[in-house]
C-alpha atoms as a PDB file:
ATOM      1  CA  MET A   1      98.154 -50.543 122.311  1.00  0.00           C
ATOM      2  CA  LYS A   2      99.395 -46.962 121.922  1.00  0.00           C
ATOM      3  CA  THR A   3     100.043 -47.566 118.236  1.00  0.00           C
ATOM      4  CA  PHE A   4      96.503 -48.854 117.728  1.00  0.00           C
ATOM      5  CA  ILE A   5      95.007 -45.871 119.584  1.00  0.00           C
ATOM      6  CA  THR A   6      97.102 -43.441 117.548  1.00  0.00           C
ATOM      7  CA  LYS A   7      96.162 -45.019 114.214  1.00  0.00           C
ATOM      8  CA  HIS A   8      92.530 -45.803 115.028  1.00  0.00           C
ATOM      9  CA  PRO A   9      91.381 -43.368 117.741  1.00  0.00           C
ATOM     10  CA  VAL A  10      87.635 -43.750 117.089  1.00  0.00           C
ATOM     11  CA  ALA A  11      87.798 -47.546 117.131  1.00  0.00           C
ATOM     12  CA  ALA A  12      89.943 -47.381 120.268  1.00  0.00           C
ATOM     13  CA  PHE A  13      87.444 -45.047 121.925  1.00  0.00           C
ATOM     14  CA  ILE A  14      84.558 -47.415 121.157  1.00  0.00           C
ATOM     15  CA  ILE A  15      86.440 -50.500 122.375  1.00  0.00           C
ATOM     16  CA  LEU A  16      87.570 -48.787 125.578  1.00  0.00           C
ATOM     17  CA  THR A  17      84.102 -47.389 126.265  1.00  0.00           C
ATOM     18  CA  PHE A  18      82.446 -50.797 125.989  1.00  0.00           C
ATOM     19  CA  ALA A  19      85.251 -52.536 127.889  1.00  0.00           C
ATOM     20  CA  ILE A  20      85.200 -50.124 130.829  1.00  0.00           C
ATOM     21  CA  SER A  21      81.401 -50.015 131.031  1.00  0.00           C
ATOM     22  CA  PHE A  22      80.608 -53.698 130.561  1.00  0.00           C
ATOM     23  CA  LEU A  23      83.705 -55.613 131.613  1.00  0.00           C
ATOM     24  CA  ILE A  24      84.298 -53.495 134.719  1.00  0.00           C
ATOM     25  CA  GLY A  25      81.242 -51.354 135.461  1.00  0.00           C
ATOM     26  CA  PHE A  26      78.481 -53.852 134.781  1.00  0.00           C
ATOM     27  CA  PRO A  27      79.897 -56.705 136.931  1.00  0.00           C
ATOM     28  CA  LEU A  28      80.591 -54.245 139.762  1.00  0.00           C
ATOM     29  CA  LYS A  29      77.000 -53.018 139.607  1.00  0.00           C
ATOM     30  CA  LEU A  30      75.455 -56.462 139.292  1.00  0.00           C
ATOM     31  CA  PHE A  31      77.442 -58.316 141.932  1.00  0.00           C
ATOM     32  CA  ILE A  32      78.571 -55.651 144.405  1.00  0.00           C
ATOM     33  CA  LEU A  33      77.024 -52.201 144.124  1.00  0.00           C
ATOM     34  CA  ASN A  34      73.414 -53.314 143.674  1.00  0.00           C
ATOM     35  CA  GLN A  35      73.717 -55.205 146.958  1.00  0.00           C
ATOM     36  CA  LEU A  36      75.460 -52.304 148.658  1.00  0.00           C
ATOM     37  CA  PHE A  37      72.736 -49.837 147.673  1.00  0.00           C
ATOM     38  CA  ARG A  38      69.774 -52.203 147.900  1.00  0.00           C
ATOM     39  CA  GLY A  39      66.563 -50.303 148.624  1.00  0.00           C
ATOM     40  CA  GLN A  40      68.205 -46.894 148.130  1.00  0.00           C
ATOM     41  CA  GLU A  41      66.614 -44.894 145.320  1.00  0.00           C
ATOM     42  CA  LEU A  42      69.568 -42.609 144.663  1.00  0.00           C
ATOM     43  CA  GLY A  43      72.098 -45.361 145.213  1.00  0.00           C
ATOM     44  CA  LEU A  44      70.549 -47.718 142.666  1.00  0.00           C
ATOM     45  CA  ASN A  45      69.848 -44.963 140.141  1.00  0.00           C
ATOM     46  CA  TYR A  46      73.268 -43.318 140.281  1.00  0.00           C
ATOM     47  CA  TYR A  47      76.020 -44.595 142.596  1.00  0.00           C
ATOM     48  CA  SER A  48      75.689 -48.198 141.437  1.00  0.00           C
ATOM     49  CA  LYS A  49      76.062 -47.103 137.793  1.00  0.00           C
ATOM     50  CA  ILE A  50      79.063 -44.835 138.168  1.00  0.00           C
ATOM     51  CA  PHE A  51      81.607 -47.237 136.647  1.00  0.00           C
ATOM     52  CA  ILE A  52      79.254 -47.935 133.742  1.00  0.00           C
ATOM     53  CA  VAL A  53      78.320 -44.373 132.834  1.00  0.00           C
ATOM     54  CA  PHE A  54      81.874 -43.088 133.166  1.00  0.00           C
ATOM     55  CA  GLY A  55      83.025 -45.527 130.476  1.00  0.00           C
ATOM     56  CA  PRO A  56      82.720 -42.926 127.674  1.00  0.00           C
ATOM     57  CA  ALA A  57      84.454 -40.207 129.729  1.00  0.00           C
ATOM     58  CA  LEU A  58      87.356 -42.454 130.758  1.00  0.00           C
ATOM     59  CA  ALA A  59      87.746 -43.736 127.198  1.00  0.00           C
ATOM     60  CA  ALA A  60      87.892 -40.146 125.928  1.00  0.00           C
ATOM     61  CA  ILE A  61      90.547 -39.272 128.509  1.00  0.00           C
ATOM     62  CA  ILE A  62      92.674 -42.324 127.675  1.00  0.00           C
ATOM     63  CA  VAL A  63      92.513 -41.788 123.904  1.00  0.00           C
ATOM     64  CA  THR A  64      93.183 -38.056 124.266  1.00  0.00           C
ATOM     65  CA  SER A  65      96.145 -38.726 126.544  1.00  0.00           C
ATOM     66  CA  VAL A  66      97.716 -41.005 123.941  1.00  0.00           C
ATOM     67  CA  THR A  67      96.940 -38.892 120.877  1.00  0.00           C
ATOM     68  CA  SER A  68      97.265 -35.339 122.237  1.00  0.00           C
ATOM     69  CA  GLY A  69      99.109 -35.551 125.520  1.00  0.00           C
ATOM     70  CA  LYS A  70      98.741 -33.187 128.452  1.00  0.00           C
ATOM     71  CA  ALA A  71      97.572 -30.285 126.301  1.00  0.00           C
ATOM     72  CA  GLY A  72      94.791 -32.423 124.870  1.00  0.00           C
ATOM     73  CA  ILE A  73      93.640 -33.554 128.313  1.00  0.00           C
ATOM     74  CA  THR A  74      93.603 -29.934 129.499  1.00  0.00           C
ATOM     75  CA  ALA A  75      91.491 -28.931 126.515  1.00  0.00           C
ATOM     76  CA  LEU A  76      89.107 -31.869 126.936  1.00  0.00           C
ATOM     77  CA  LEU A  77      88.549 -31.324 130.657  1.00  0.00           C
ATOM     78  CA  GLY A  78      88.304 -27.587 130.025  1.00  0.00           C
ATOM     79  CA  LYS A  79      85.005 -28.274 128.256  1.00  0.00           C
ATOM     80  CA  LEU A  80      83.540 -29.134 131.659  1.00  0.00           C
ATOM     81  CA  LYS A  81      84.145 -25.637 133.037  1.00  0.00           C
ATOM     82  CA  PRO A  82      80.867 -23.854 133.825  1.00  0.00           C
ATOM     83  CA  ASN A  83      80.447 -20.477 132.130  1.00  0.00           C
ATOM     84  CA  THR A  84      77.936 -18.022 133.534  1.00  0.00           C
ATOM     85  CA  LYS A  85      77.024 -16.846 130.037  1.00  0.00           C
ATOM     86  CA  HIS A  86      75.247 -20.212 129.736  1.00  0.00           C
ATOM     87  CA  LEU A  87      73.095 -19.516 132.808  1.00  0.00           C
ATOM     88  CA  ILE A  88      69.889 -19.509 130.744  1.00  0.00           C
ATOM     89  CA  TRP A  89      70.695 -23.051 129.578  1.00  0.00           C
ATOM     90  CA  TRP A  90      71.306 -24.215 133.163  1.00  0.00           C
ATOM     91  CA  LEU A  91      67.826 -23.034 134.122  1.00  0.00           C
ATOM     92  CA  ALA A  92      65.808 -23.683 130.962  1.00  0.00           C
ATOM     93  CA  LEU A  93      66.924 -27.248 130.302  1.00  0.00           C
ATOM     94  CA  PRO A  94      65.846 -28.844 133.628  1.00  0.00           C
ATOM     95  CA  VAL A  95      62.568 -26.901 133.621  1.00  0.00           C
ATOM     96  CA  THR A  96      61.802 -27.986 130.049  1.00  0.00           C
ATOM     97  CA  GLY A  97      62.727 -31.617 130.692  1.00  0.00           C
ATOM     98  CA  THR A  98      60.583 -31.702 133.825  1.00  0.00           C
ATOM     99  CA  LEU A  99      57.554 -30.150 132.113  1.00  0.00           C
ATOM    100  CA  LEU A 100      57.750 -32.527 129.133  1.00  0.00           C
ATOM    101  CA  THR A 101      58.039 -35.555 131.412  1.00  0.00           C
ATOM    102  CA  MET A 102      55.112 -34.312 133.492  1.00  0.00           C
ATOM    103  CA  LEU A 103      53.110 -33.961 130.288  1.00  0.00           C
ATOM    104  CA  ALA A 104      53.845 -37.578 129.354  1.00  0.00           C
ATOM    105  CA  PHE A 105      52.711 -38.798 132.783  1.00  0.00           C
ATOM    106  CA  MET A 106      49.578 -36.641 132.662  1.00  0.00           C
ATOM    107  CA  ILE A 107      48.652 -38.001 129.245  1.00  0.00           C
ATOM    108  CA  GLN A 108      48.805 -41.409 130.929  1.00  0.00           C
ATOM    109  CA  GLY A 109      46.364 -40.337 133.630  1.00  0.00           C
ATOM    110  CA  ALA A 110      48.356 -38.546 136.320  1.00  0.00           C
ATOM    111  CA  THR A 111      46.890 -35.217 137.429  1.00  0.00           C
ATOM    112  CA  THR A 112      48.697 -31.888 137.482  1.00  0.00           C
ATOM    113  CA  GLN A 113      48.136 -31.721 141.231  1.00  0.00           C
ATOM    114  CA  GLU A 114      49.728 -35.140 141.736  1.00  0.00           C
ATOM    115  CA  MET A 115      52.799 -34.172 139.737  1.00  0.00           C
ATOM    116  CA  ILE A 116      53.309 -30.825 141.474  1.00  0.00           C
ATOM    117  CA  SER A 117      52.646 -32.378 144.872  1.00  0.00           C
ATOM    118  CA  ALA A 118      55.292 -35.042 144.196  1.00  0.00           C
ATOM    119  CA  ILE A 119      57.890 -32.314 143.608  1.00  0.00           C
ATOM    120  CA  VAL A 120      56.853 -30.151 146.565  1.00  0.00           C
ATOM    121  CA  LYS A 121      56.743 -33.039 149.046  1.00  0.00           C
ATOM    122  CA  ASN A 122      60.028 -34.493 147.795  1.00  0.00           C
ATOM    123  CA  ARG A 123      61.835 -31.318 146.701  1.00  0.00           C
ATOM    124  CA  GLY A 124      65.123 -32.357 148.291  1.00  0.00           C
ATOM    125  CA  LEU A 125      65.020 -35.697 146.502  1.00  0.00           C
ATOM    126  CA  PHE A 126      63.990 -33.962 143.273  1.00  0.00           C
ATOM    127  CA  LEU A 127      67.045 -31.678 143.431  1.00  0.00           C
ATOM    128  CA  ALA A 128      69.268 -34.624 144.383  1.00  0.00           C
ATOM    129  CA  HIS A 129      68.128 -36.459 141.255  1.00  0.00           C
ATOM    130  CA  LEU A 130      69.025 -33.414 139.157  1.00  0.00           C
ATOM    131  CA  ALA A 131      72.443 -32.939 140.775  1.00  0.00           C
ATOM    132  CA  LEU A 132      73.467 -36.601 140.683  1.00  0.00           C
ATOM    133  CA  THR A 133      72.241 -37.146 137.131  1.00  0.00           C
ATOM    134  CA  THR A 134      74.274 -34.139 135.997  1.00  0.00           C
ATOM    135  CA  LEU A 135      77.452 -35.037 137.884  1.00  0.00           C
ATOM    136  CA  ILE A 136      77.403 -38.785 137.291  1.00  0.00           C
ATOM    137  CA  ILE A 137      75.395 -39.705 134.206  1.00  0.00           C
ATOM    138  CA  GLY A 138      75.626 -36.359 132.400  1.00  0.00           C
ATOM    139  CA  ILE A 139      79.356 -35.815 132.759  1.00  0.00           C
ATOM    140  CA  GLY A 140      80.200 -39.522 132.545  1.00  0.00           C
ATOM    141  CA  GLU A 141      78.496 -39.921 129.191  1.00  0.00           C
ATOM    142  CA  GLU A 142      78.709 -36.480 127.596  1.00  0.00           C
ATOM    143  CA  LEU A 143      82.441 -35.978 128.050  1.00  0.00           C
ATOM    144  CA  GLY A 144      82.746 -39.009 125.787  1.00  0.00           C
ATOM    145  CA  TRP A 145      79.831 -38.717 123.346  1.00  0.00           C
ATOM    146  CA  ARG A 146      79.871 -34.993 122.621  1.00  0.00           C
ATOM    147  CA  GLY A 147      83.080 -33.974 124.343  1.00  0.00           C
ATOM    148  CA  TRP A 148      85.254 -36.274 122.237  1.00  0.00           C
ATOM    149  CA  LEU A 149      83.338 -38.484 119.783  1.00  0.00           C
ATOM    150  CA  LEU A 150      81.092 -35.934 118.046  1.00  0.00           C
ATOM    151  CA  PRO A 151      83.890 -33.375 117.436  1.00  0.00           C
ATOM    152  CA  ARG A 152      86.117 -36.173 116.129  1.00  0.00           C
ATOM    153  CA  LEU A 153      83.487 -37.610 113.779  1.00  0.00           C
ATOM    154  CA  SER A 154      82.443 -34.175 112.503  1.00  0.00           C
ATOM    155  CA  LYS A 155      85.886 -33.583 111.023  1.00  0.00           C
ATOM    156  CA  GLY A 156      85.690 -34.408 107.312  1.00  0.00           C
ATOM    157  CA  ARG A 157      82.023 -35.424 107.527  1.00  0.00           C
ATOM    158  CA  THR A 158      78.703 -33.644 107.427  1.00  0.00           C
ATOM    159  CA  ILE A 159      77.199 -32.981 110.821  1.00  0.00           C
ATOM    160  CA  THR A 160      74.243 -35.191 109.819  1.00  0.00           C
ATOM    161  CA  SER A 161      76.595 -38.138 109.289  1.00  0.00           C
ATOM    162  CA  ALA A 162      78.329 -37.446 112.589  1.00  0.00           C
ATOM    163  CA  ILE A 163      74.997 -37.335 114.440  1.00  0.00           C
ATOM    164  CA  LEU A 164      73.930 -40.641 112.908  1.00  0.00           C
ATOM    165  CA  MET A 165      77.209 -42.329 113.846  1.00  0.00           C
ATOM    166  CA  VAL A 166      77.084 -41.060 117.428  1.00  0.00           C
ATOM    167  CA  PHE A 167      73.457 -42.220 117.677  1.00  0.00           C
ATOM    168  CA  ILE A 168      74.340 -45.747 116.526  1.00  0.00           C
ATOM    169  CA  ILE A 169      77.275 -46.076 118.933  1.00  0.00           C
ATOM    170  CA  TRP A 170      75.317 -44.496 121.800  1.00  0.00           C
ATOM    171  CA  ALA A 171      72.332 -46.780 121.180  1.00  0.00           C
ATOM    172  CA  LEU A 172      74.481 -49.928 120.986  1.00  0.00           C
ATOM    173  CA  TRP A 173      76.172 -48.929 124.243  1.00  0.00           C
ATOM    174  CA  HIS A 174      72.692 -49.213 125.793  1.00  0.00           C
ATOM    175  CA  PHE A 175      72.261 -52.749 124.408  1.00  0.00           C
ATOM    176  CA  PRO A 176      70.876 -54.190 127.701  1.00  0.00           C
ATOM    177  CA  LEU A 177      67.849 -51.906 127.224  1.00  0.00           C
ATOM    178  CA  LEU A 178      67.499 -53.058 123.627  1.00  0.00           C
ATOM    179  CA  LEU A 179      67.104 -56.628 124.916  1.00  0.00           C
ATOM    180  CA  SER A 180      64.215 -55.643 127.216  1.00  0.00           C
ATOM    181  CA  GLY A 181      61.453 -56.058 124.650  1.00  0.00           C
ATOM    182  CA  TYR A 182      60.032 -53.803 121.969  1.00  0.00           C
ATOM    183  CA  LYS A 183      57.992 -51.725 124.433  1.00  0.00           C
ATOM    184  CA  VAL A 184      61.289 -50.548 125.923  1.00  0.00           C
ATOM    185  CA  ALA A 185      63.542 -50.692 122.866  1.00  0.00           C
ATOM    186  CA  ILE A 186      61.422 -48.724 120.388  1.00  0.00           C
ATOM    187  CA  PRO A 187      60.684 -45.698 122.621  1.00  0.00           C
ATOM    188  CA  PHE A 188      64.299 -45.725 123.802  1.00  0.00           C
ATOM    189  CA  LEU A 189      65.667 -45.639 120.247  1.00  0.00           C
ATOM    190  CA  ILE A 190      63.310 -42.804 119.307  1.00  0.00           C
ATOM    191  CA  ILE A 191      64.347 -40.805 122.377  1.00  0.00           C
ATOM    192  CA  ASN A 192      68.016 -41.612 121.769  1.00  0.00           C
ATOM    193  CA  LEU A 193      67.876 -40.398 118.171  1.00  0.00           C
ATOM    194  CA  SER A 194      65.885 -37.326 119.181  1.00  0.00           C
ATOM    195  CA  MET A 195      68.433 -36.472 121.856  1.00  0.00           C
ATOM    196  CA  SER A 196      71.304 -37.033 119.435  1.00  0.00           C
ATOM    197  CA  ILE A 197      69.812 -34.296 117.270  1.00  0.00           C
ATOM    198  CA  ILE A 198      68.776 -31.905 120.038  1.00  0.00           C
ATOM    199  CA  PHE A 199      72.004 -32.292 122.015  1.00  0.00           C
ATOM    200  CA  THR A 200      74.029 -31.604 118.875  1.00  0.00           C
ATOM    201  CA  CYS A 201      72.078 -28.402 118.356  1.00  0.00           C
ATOM    202  CA  VAL A 202      72.804 -27.392 121.968  1.00  0.00           C
ATOM    203  CA  TRP A 203      76.464 -28.390 121.500  1.00  0.00           C
ATOM    204  CA  GLN A 204      76.749 -26.059 118.518  1.00  0.00           C
ATOM    205  CA  ARG A 205      75.208 -23.157 120.373  1.00  0.00           C
ATOM    206  CA  VAL A 206      77.345 -23.424 123.515  1.00  0.00           C
ATOM    207  CA  ASN A 207      80.549 -23.964 121.537  1.00  0.00           C
ATOM    208  CA  GLY A 208      81.044 -27.479 122.828  1.00  0.00           C
ATOM    209  CA  ASN A 209      80.678 -26.723 126.550  1.00  0.00           C
ATOM    210  CA  ILE A 210      80.092 -30.129 128.125  1.00  0.00           C
ATOM    211  CA  PHE A 211      78.820 -28.768 131.429  1.00  0.00           C
ATOM    212  CA  VAL A 212      75.735 -27.550 129.545  1.00  0.00           C
ATOM    213  CA  LEU A 213      75.460 -30.896 127.726  1.00  0.00           C
ATOM    214  CA  ALA A 214      75.649 -32.730 131.061  1.00  0.00           C
ATOM    215  CA  ILE A 215      72.698 -30.647 132.285  1.00  0.00           C
ATOM    216  CA  ALA A 216      70.856 -31.308 129.008  1.00  0.00           C
ATOM    217  CA  HIS A 217      71.386 -35.057 129.413  1.00  0.00           C
ATOM    218  CA  ALA A 218      70.299 -34.895 133.045  1.00  0.00           C
ATOM    219  CA  SER A 219      67.202 -32.914 132.098  1.00  0.00           C
ATOM    220  CA  VAL A 220      65.952 -35.876 130.077  1.00  0.00           C
ATOM    221  CA  ASP A 221      66.933 -38.574 132.575  1.00  0.00           C
ATOM    222  CA  PHE A 222      66.267 -37.188 136.048  1.00  0.00           C
ATOM    223  CA  PRO A 223      62.552 -36.273 135.752  1.00  0.00           C
ATOM    224  CA  GLU A 224      61.786 -39.725 134.366  1.00  0.00           C
ATOM    225  CA  ALA A 225      63.661 -41.432 137.215  1.00  0.00           C
ATOM    226  CA  PHE A 226      62.058 -39.186 139.839  1.00  0.00           C
ATOM    227  CA  PHE A 227      58.461 -39.462 138.634  1.00  0.00           C
ATOM    228  CA  GLU A 228      58.792 -43.161 137.811  1.00  0.00           C
ATOM    229  CA  SER A 229      59.766 -43.915 141.405  1.00  0.00           C
ATOM    230  CA  ARG A 230      56.843 -41.831 142.687  1.00  0.00           C
ATOM    231  CA  ALA A 231      54.403 -43.507 140.271  1.00  0.00           C
ATOM    232  CA  LEU A 232      55.423 -47.041 141.199  1.00  0.00           C
ATOM    233  CA  ALA A 233      55.224 -46.168 144.897  1.00  0.00           C
ATOM    234  CA  THR A 234      51.644 -44.920 144.517  1.00  0.00           C
ATOM    235  CA  GLY A 235      50.258 -47.999 142.791  1.00  0.00           C
ATOM    236  CA  HIS A 236      50.929 -47.411 139.109  1.00  0.00           C
ATOM    237  CA  SER A 237      52.019 -50.488 137.169  1.00  0.00           C
ATOM    238  CA  TRP A 238      55.144 -51.065 135.117  1.00  0.00           C
ATOM    239  CA  ASN A 239      52.877 -51.105 132.068  1.00  0.00           C
ATOM    240  CA  ASP A 240      51.890 -47.511 132.908  1.00  0.00           C
ATOM    241  CA  ILE A 241      55.569 -46.590 132.907  1.00  0.00           C
ATOM    242  CA  LEU A 242      56.092 -48.257 129.522  1.00  0.00           C
ATOM    243  CA  ASN A 243      53.151 -46.324 128.102  1.00  0.00           C
ATOM    244  CA  MET A 244      54.665 -43.119 129.473  1.00  0.00           C
ATOM    245  CA  TRP A 245      57.926 -43.939 127.698  1.00  0.00           C
ATOM    246  CA  ALA A 246      56.030 -44.345 124.431  1.00  0.00           C
ATOM    247  CA  VAL A 247      54.303 -40.985 124.879  1.00  0.00           C
ATOM    248  CA  LEU A 248      57.552 -39.280 125.896  1.00  0.00           C
ATOM    249  CA  SER A 249      59.304 -40.623 122.800  1.00  0.00           C
ATOM    250  CA  ILE A 250      56.721 -38.885 120.616  1.00  0.00           C
ATOM    251  CA  ILE A 251      56.965 -35.690 122.663  1.00  0.00           C
ATOM    252  CA  TYR A 252      60.735 -35.557 122.146  1.00  0.00           C
ATOM    253  CA  ALA A 253      60.595 -36.627 118.504  1.00  0.00           C
ATOM    254  CA  VAL A 254      58.537 -33.578 117.495  1.00  0.00           C
ATOM    255  CA  PRO A 255      61.081 -30.890 118.497  1.00  0.00           C
ATOM    256  CA  ALA A 256      63.924 -33.100 117.239  1.00  0.00           C
ATOM    257  CA  ILE A 257      62.366 -33.207 113.756  1.00  0.00           C
ATOM    258  CA  ILE A 258      61.863 -29.443 113.806  1.00  0.00           C
ATOM    259  CA  VAL A 259      65.432 -28.820 114.991  1.00  0.00           C
ATOM    260  CA  PHE A 260      66.878 -31.151 112.383  1.00  0.00           C
ATOM    261  CA  PHE A 261      65.097 -29.690 109.381  1.00  0.00           C
ATOM    262  CA  THR A 262      65.360 -26.049 110.422  1.00  0.00           C
ATOM    263  CA  LEU A 263      68.750 -25.798 112.138  1.00  0.00           C
ATOM    264  CA  ILE A 264      70.893 -28.817 111.256  1.00  0.00           C
ATOM    265  CA  ALA A 265      70.007 -30.181 107.806  1.00  0.00           C
ATOM    266  CA  PRO A 266      70.360 -26.791 106.030  1.00  0.00           C
ATOM    267  CA  LYS A 267      73.954 -26.587 107.268  1.00  0.00           C
ATOM    268  CA  SER A 268      74.799 -30.252 106.717  1.00  0.00           C
ATOM    269  CA  PRO A 269      76.465 -29.939 103.262  1.00  0.00           C
ATOM    270  CA  GLU A 270      79.164 -27.742 104.805  1.00  0.00           C
ATOM    271  CA  GLY A 271      78.704 -29.204 108.311  1.00  0.00           C
ATOM    272  CA  HIS A 272      82.391 -29.686 109.187  1.00  0.00           C
ATOM    273  CA  LEU A 273      82.575 -28.362 112.737  1.00  0.00           C
ATOM    274  CA  HIS A 274      85.792 -27.826 114.621  1.00  0.00           C
ATOM    275  CA  ILE A 275      84.853 -27.251 118.242  1.00  0.00           C
END
């Protein structure tokens, strides 16, 4: 096993990620944790998924331990250290993600007053969504995707190629969503590709700090989870939610296209990053 990881670290990372998430995490969620947290919004959204979403992080730690030892683990986990010079990112990312998600819901018929009222009346729950998405989903995924995989793939390749490869692996890791019908799969893939581009741009600008990337990831996920729960509780249908996803995919695709062609593609011929 160690020999395989040493010779084929990327393949080992992918295998371990899928094995941890779907051979351990998914059965635990389906047969135990879903029952344990039945009827609990935060429990079902976050605690029940912890062994799934930490698959990428645990895979990164295992592969790094084998290939780089203690020093490598220290360096990898060091990327999680918050740095106050990134304070503007900590604030701007959740605000931006919330506003864009609100826009998608309002395009689908929700009023500004309804959206603001949902936050004000449930502000503790709103902040809990942000905190738990960052600490569980954000760190669990980003320590793997952009803490280990993106830096590894960017060595000897253009950054455009690395982004595309991370997108494909990241999308396939979400394969249960891809089996949920085209109304789920198509918007998800558009958002996933858009985030692959935008998150890479953020990654470049914060010198690979994964705490910021965890917040970035959370800023996409937590407003959707929060407002979706509020919408369903107030009589909106699942079809309304699917329409919101479609709108949100377009909203995120626009800045992703701009970022790619103005900030990433021009640098792609050299694009070998060593963060």
